[in-house]
C-alpha cells in the first residue's frame, strides 16, 4: 500500500496522429488539471520515426517530471482516461495513436500489477532513445530503479543510429 504523500513520477507522452503537439499539450493540461498530480518540469518536443513500421507517421515525444498523490493503479487509470478523451482507441500493437502516456518511473520503485497489466519502470524504456533523451533533459541524475544505472550509462548503451533517429524540435 502506498502512503498518500506526494511521489515523484516520470511520464512519457507520444503522439503520431492528428495535431501531435496539440495532443501532447492537451494531455499535459488534463494531467495538471487534477489536484492529485502536478507537472514539475517538461522536456522539449522530440521527433522520432515510427517503430516498427517506419512508414507510419512520425512521433512527437516528451518527458514529464511530476509529483502525485495517486497510487500507481490510480495513476494508470487516470492516464488511460486522458488517452481515451484524446481519441485513442484500442487497436493493434504499435498502431498509430493520438496519445500514448507511459509511466516510466514511480518514486524509484519496481511495481508489477498484473490485474491491469502495469509494469514500472517501463520494461523497454532503457532501449528507447525517444524516452531517454527527453528524460535526460529533465533529470540528468536519474537512475534506473531496477538496474541502478545512471541515465548517461543507458544513453551510452544505445546504438548511435537509435540516438540519431531522435531529433529535438
C-alpha atoms as a PDB file:
ATOM      1  CA  UNK A   1       0.000   0.000   0.000  1.00  0.00           C
ATOM      2  CA  UNK A   2       1.282   3.461  -0.879  1.00  0.00           C
ATOM      3  CA  UNK A   3       1.161   6.385   1.508  1.00  0.00           C
ATOM      4  CA  UNK A   4      -0.789   9.490   0.499  1.00  0.00           C
ATOM      5  CA  UNK A   5       2.303  11.697   0.490  1.00  0.00           C
ATOM      6  CA  UNK A   6       3.472  13.010  -2.890  1.00  0.00           C
ATOM      7  CA  UNK A   7       5.587  10.677  -5.012  1.00  0.00           C
ATOM      8  CA  UNK A   8       7.950  11.568  -7.832  1.00  0.00           C
ATOM      9  CA  UNK A   9       6.810  10.265 -11.199  1.00  0.00           C
ATOM     10  CA  UNK A  10       8.270  10.324 -14.709  1.00  0.00           C
ATOM     11  CA  UNK A  11       5.795  10.140 -17.585  1.00  0.00           C
ATOM     12  CA  UNK A  12       6.491   9.875 -21.304  1.00  0.00           C
ATOM     13  CA  UNK A  13       3.921  11.175 -23.780  1.00  0.00           C
ATOM     14  CA  UNK A  14       3.898  10.480 -27.500  1.00  0.00           C
ATOM     15  CA  UNK A  15       1.573  11.230 -30.413  1.00  0.00           C
ATOM     16  CA  UNK A  16       1.714  10.358 -34.104  1.00  0.00           C
ATOM     17  CA  UNK A  17      -1.816  11.094 -35.301  1.00  0.00           C
ATOM     18  CA  UNK A  18      -3.572  14.411 -35.827  1.00  0.00           C
ATOM     19  CA  UNK A  19      -2.056  17.596 -34.431  1.00  0.00           C
ATOM     20  CA  UNK A  20       0.670  15.901 -32.407  1.00  0.00           C
ATOM     21  CA  UNK A  21       1.840  18.952 -30.486  1.00  0.00           C
ATOM     22  CA  UNK A  22      -1.738  19.927 -29.593  1.00  0.00           C
ATOM     23  CA  UNK A  23      -2.490  16.351 -28.438  1.00  0.00           C
ATOM     24  CA  UNK A  24       0.516  16.397 -26.107  1.00  0.00           C
ATOM     25  CA  UNK A  25      -0.255  19.882 -24.769  1.00  0.00           C
ATOM     26  CA  UNK A  26      -3.868  18.831 -24.149  1.00  0.00           C
ATOM     27  CA  UNK A  27      -2.651  15.709 -22.295  1.00  0.00           C
ATOM     28  CA  UNK A  28      -0.438  17.954 -20.131  1.00  0.00           C
ATOM     29  CA  UNK A  29      -3.430  20.229 -19.463  1.00  0.00           C
ATOM     30  CA  UNK A  30      -5.577  17.248 -18.370  1.00  0.00           C
ATOM     31  CA  UNK A  31      -2.774  15.919 -16.177  1.00  0.00           C
ATOM     32  CA  UNK A  32      -2.240  19.256 -14.477  1.00  0.00           C
ATOM     33  CA  UNK A  33      -5.972  19.897 -14.006  1.00  0.00           C
ATOM     34  CA  UNK A  34      -6.279  17.182 -11.356  1.00  0.00           C
ATOM     35  CA  UNK A  35      -5.333  18.151  -7.799  1.00  0.00           C
ATOM     36  CA  UNK A  36      -3.601  14.781  -7.317  1.00  0.00           C
ATOM     37  CA  UNK A  37      -0.863  15.446  -9.873  1.00  0.00           C
ATOM     38  CA  UNK A  38       1.370  18.406 -10.657  1.00  0.00           C
ATOM     39  CA  UNK A  39       3.822  18.754 -13.528  1.00  0.00           C
ATOM     40  CA  UNK A  40       7.148  19.999 -12.192  1.00  0.00           C
ATOM     41  CA  UNK A  41       9.089  20.074 -15.483  1.00  0.00           C
ATOM     42  CA  UNK A  42       8.616  19.194 -19.127  1.00  0.00           C
ATOM     43  CA  UNK A  43      11.154  18.405 -21.825  1.00  0.00           C
ATOM     44  CA  UNK A  44      11.228  19.890 -25.286  1.00  0.00           C
ATOM     45  CA  UNK A  45       9.476  18.047 -28.108  1.00  0.00           C
ATOM     46  CA  UNK A  46      11.426  15.277 -29.804  1.00  0.00           C
ATOM     47  CA  UNK A  47      10.602  13.971 -33.269  1.00  0.00           C
ATOM     48  CA  UNK A  48      11.050  10.240 -33.821  1.00  0.00           C
ATOM     49  CA  UNK A  49      10.253   7.945 -36.691  1.00  0.00           C
ATOM     50  CA  UNK A  50       7.638   5.280 -36.012  1.00  0.00           C
ATOM     51  CA  UNK A  51       8.657   1.838 -34.928  1.00  0.00           C
ATOM     52  CA  UNK A  52       8.461  -0.906 -36.055  1.00  0.00           C
ATOM     53  CA  UNK A  53       6.828   0.417 -39.234  1.00  0.00           C
ATOM     54  CA  UNK A  54       8.780   3.477 -40.390  1.00  0.00           C
ATOM     55  CA  UNK A  55       6.047   4.162 -42.953  1.00  0.00           C
ATOM     56  CA  UNK A  56       3.644   5.136 -40.164  1.00  0.00           C
ATOM     57  CA  UNK A  57       3.522   8.853 -39.275  1.00  0.00           C
ATOM     58  CA  UNK A  58       6.405  10.203 -37.165  1.00  0.00           C
ATOM     59  CA  UNK A  59       6.001  10.691 -33.419  1.00  0.00           C
ATOM     60  CA  UNK A  60       6.421  13.710 -31.206  1.00  0.00           C
ATOM     61  CA  UNK A  61       7.551  12.728 -27.705  1.00  0.00           C
ATOM     62  CA  UNK A  62       8.173  14.489 -24.405  1.00  0.00           C
ATOM     63  CA  UNK A  63       9.009  13.508 -20.839  1.00  0.00           C
ATOM     64  CA  UNK A  64       7.444  14.999 -17.726  1.00  0.00           C
ATOM     65  CA  UNK A  65       8.628  15.080 -14.154  1.00  0.00           C
ATOM     66  CA  UNK A  66       5.602  15.163 -11.856  1.00  0.00           C
ATOM     67  CA  UNK A  67       4.593  14.747  -8.256  1.00  0.00           C
ATOM     68  CA  UNK A  68       1.421  12.860  -7.410  1.00  0.00           C
ATOM     69  CA  UNK A  69      -0.640  11.547  -4.547  1.00  0.00           C
ATOM     70  CA  UNK A  70      -2.170   8.915  -6.852  1.00  0.00           C
ATOM     71  CA  UNK A  71      -1.069   5.358  -6.214  1.00  0.00           C
ATOM     72  CA  UNK A  72       0.262   3.535  -9.312  1.00  0.00           C
ATOM     73  CA  UNK A  73      -3.074   1.905 -10.137  1.00  0.00           C
ATOM     74  CA  UNK A  74      -4.987   5.187  -9.823  1.00  0.00           C
ATOM     75  CA  UNK A  75      -2.416   6.995 -11.958  1.00  0.00           C
ATOM     76  CA  UNK A  76      -2.613   4.291 -14.633  1.00  0.00           C
ATOM     77  CA  UNK A  77      -6.420   4.525 -14.768  1.00  0.00           C
ATOM     78  CA  UNK A  78      -6.261   8.332 -14.872  1.00  0.00           C
ATOM     79  CA  UNK A  79      -3.846   8.420 -17.818  1.00  0.00           C
ATOM     80  CA  UNK A  80      -5.933   5.817 -19.693  1.00  0.00           C
ATOM     81  CA  UNK A  81      -8.949   8.179 -19.347  1.00  0.00           C
ATOM     82  CA  UNK A  82      -6.850  11.029 -20.744  1.00  0.00           C
ATOM     83  CA  UNK A  83      -5.709   8.911 -23.702  1.00  0.00           C
ATOM     84  CA  UNK A  84      -9.309   7.942 -24.442  1.00  0.00           C
ATOM     85  CA  UNK A  85     -10.535  11.551 -24.175  1.00  0.00           C
ATOM     86  CA  UNK A  86      -7.911  12.485 -26.783  1.00  0.00           C
ATOM     87  CA  UNK A  87      -9.243   9.910 -29.224  1.00  0.00           C
ATOM     88  CA  UNK A  88      -7.084   6.892 -28.521  1.00  0.00           C
ATOM     89  CA  UNK A  89      -8.839   3.638 -29.240  1.00  0.00           C
ATOM     90  CA  UNK A  90      -7.696   0.069 -28.789  1.00  0.00           C
ATOM     91  CA  UNK A  91      -6.077  -1.230 -31.948  1.00  0.00           C
ATOM     92  CA  UNK A  92      -3.221  -3.489 -32.930  1.00  0.00           C
ATOM     93  CA  UNK A  93       0.150  -3.340 -31.138  1.00  0.00           C
ATOM     94  CA  UNK A  94       2.245  -0.270 -32.114  1.00  0.00           C
ATOM     95  CA  UNK A  95      -0.613   1.204 -34.158  1.00  0.00           C
ATOM     96  CA  UNK A  96      -0.529   4.966 -34.796  1.00  0.00           C
ATOM     97  CA  UNK A  97      -2.231   6.850 -31.955  1.00  0.00           C
ATOM     98  CA  UNK A  98      -3.314  10.330 -30.942  1.00  0.00           C
ATOM     99  CA  UNK A  99      -1.870   9.993 -27.454  1.00  0.00           C
ATOM    100  CA  UNK A 100       0.217   7.465 -25.575  1.00  0.00           C
ATOM    101  CA  UNK A 101       1.160   8.125 -21.954  1.00  0.00           C
ATOM    102  CA  UNK A 102       3.560   5.735 -20.236  1.00  0.00           C
ATOM    103  CA  UNK A 103       4.592   5.659 -16.587  1.00  0.00           C
ATOM    104  CA  UNK A 104       8.368   5.425 -16.842  1.00  0.00           C
ATOM    105  CA  UNK A 105       9.166   5.695 -13.145  1.00  0.00           C
ATOM    106  CA  UNK A 106       7.104   5.845  -9.951  1.00  0.00           C
ATOM    107  CA  UNK A 107       9.181   7.001  -6.995  1.00  0.00           C
ATOM    108  CA  UNK A 108      12.104   4.718  -7.931  1.00  0.00           C
ATOM    109  CA  UNK A 109      10.003   1.622  -7.140  1.00  0.00           C
ATOM    110  CA  UNK A 110       9.690  -1.660  -9.014  1.00  0.00           C
ATOM    111  CA  UNK A 111       5.969  -2.262  -9.458  1.00  0.00           C
ATOM    112  CA  UNK A 112       4.093  -5.113 -11.114  1.00  0.00           C
ATOM    113  CA  UNK A 113       0.293  -5.030 -11.164  1.00  0.00           C
ATOM    114  CA  UNK A 114      -0.858  -7.978 -13.260  1.00  0.00           C
ATOM    115  CA  UNK A 115      -4.554  -7.155 -12.896  1.00  0.00           C
ATOM    116  CA  UNK A 116      -4.117  -4.008 -15.028  1.00  0.00           C
ATOM    117  CA  UNK A 117      -1.009  -5.064 -16.968  1.00  0.00           C
ATOM    118  CA  UNK A 118       1.215  -2.391 -15.416  1.00  0.00           C
ATOM    119  CA  UNK A 119       4.982  -2.710 -15.074  1.00  0.00           C
ATOM    120  CA  UNK A 120       7.063   0.121 -13.636  1.00  0.00           C
ATOM    121  CA  UNK A 121       9.685   1.018 -14.612  1.00  0.00           C
ATOM    122  CA  UNK A 122       8.506   0.685 -18.182  1.00  0.00           C
ATOM    123  CA  UNK A 123      10.086  -2.603 -19.367  1.00  0.00           C
ATOM    124  CA  UNK A 124      11.559  -1.275 -22.635  1.00  0.00           C
ATOM    125  CA  UNK A 125      12.369   2.291 -21.675  1.00  0.00           C
ATOM    126  CA  UNK A 126      16.117   1.639 -21.414  1.00  0.00           C
ATOM    127  CA  UNK A 127      16.189   0.723 -25.139  1.00  0.00           C
ATOM    128  CA  UNK A 128      14.346   3.805 -26.354  1.00  0.00           C
ATOM    129  CA  UNK A 129      16.161   6.972 -27.292  1.00  0.00           C
ATOM    130  CA  UNK A 130      12.833   8.798 -27.601  1.00  0.00           C
ATOM    131  CA  UNK A 131      12.301   8.167 -23.864  1.00  0.00           C
ATOM    132  CA  UNK A 132      15.863   8.521 -22.589  1.00  0.00           C
ATOM    133  CA  UNK A 133      16.785  11.779 -24.365  1.00  0.00           C
ATOM    134  CA  UNK A 134      13.782  13.778 -23.066  1.00  0.00           C
ATOM    135  CA  UNK A 135      14.237  12.158 -19.644  1.00  0.00           C
ATOM    136  CA  UNK A 136      17.895  13.196 -19.583  1.00  0.00           C
ATOM    137  CA  UNK A 137      16.830  16.759 -20.385  1.00  0.00           C
ATOM    138  CA  UNK A 138      14.592  16.966 -17.299  1.00  0.00           C
ATOM    139  CA  UNK A 139      16.659  14.855 -14.883  1.00  0.00           C
ATOM    140  CA  UNK A 140      20.358  14.394 -15.610  1.00  0.00           C
ATOM    141  CA  UNK A 141      20.840  12.453 -12.335  1.00  0.00           C
ATOM    142  CA  UNK A 142      18.060   9.919 -12.872  1.00  0.00           C
ATOM    143  CA  UNK A 143      18.877   6.250 -12.233  1.00  0.00           C
ATOM    144  CA  UNK A 144      17.002   3.192 -13.458  1.00  0.00           C
ATOM    145  CA  UNK A 145      15.114   1.720 -10.474  1.00  0.00           C
ATOM    146  CA  UNK A 146      15.848  -1.910 -11.422  1.00  0.00           C
ATOM    147  CA  UNK A 147      19.475  -1.934 -12.537  1.00  0.00           C
ATOM    148  CA  UNK A 148      20.551   1.303 -10.809  1.00  0.00           C
ATOM    149  CA  UNK A 149      22.287   2.514 -13.998  1.00  0.00           C
ATOM    150  CA  UNK A 150      22.604   6.245 -14.485  1.00  0.00           C
ATOM    151  CA  UNK A 151      20.778   7.737 -17.416  1.00  0.00           C
ATOM    152  CA  UNK A 152      24.104   8.644 -19.030  1.00  0.00           C
ATOM    153  CA  UNK A 153      25.070   4.944 -18.973  1.00  0.00           C
ATOM    154  CA  UNK A 154      21.744   3.969 -20.541  1.00  0.00           C
ATOM    155  CA  UNK A 155      22.180   6.567 -23.285  1.00  0.00           C
ATOM    156  CA  UNK A 156      25.756   5.399 -23.935  1.00  0.00           C
ATOM    157  CA  UNK A 157      24.471   1.827 -24.335  1.00  0.00           C
ATOM    158  CA  UNK A 158      22.092   2.794 -27.146  1.00  0.00           C
ATOM    159  CA  UNK A 159      23.198   2.256 -30.747  1.00  0.00           C
ATOM    160  CA  UNK A 160      24.228   5.541 -32.361  1.00  0.00           C
ATOM    161  CA  UNK A 161      21.562   5.022 -35.045  1.00  0.00           C
ATOM    162  CA  UNK A 162      18.910   4.980 -32.306  1.00  0.00           C
ATOM    163  CA  UNK A 163      20.154   8.306 -30.952  1.00  0.00           C
ATOM    164  CA  UNK A 164      20.452   9.903 -34.394  1.00  0.00           C
ATOM    165  CA  UNK A 165      16.848   8.987 -35.239  1.00  0.00           C
ATOM    166  CA  UNK A 166      15.595  11.283 -32.429  1.00  0.00           C
ATOM    167  CA  UNK A 167      15.558  14.987 -33.285  1.00  0.00           C
ATOM    168  CA  UNK A 168      14.894  17.766 -30.790  1.00  0.00           C
ATOM    169  CA  UNK A 169      12.477  20.436 -32.059  1.00  0.00           C
END
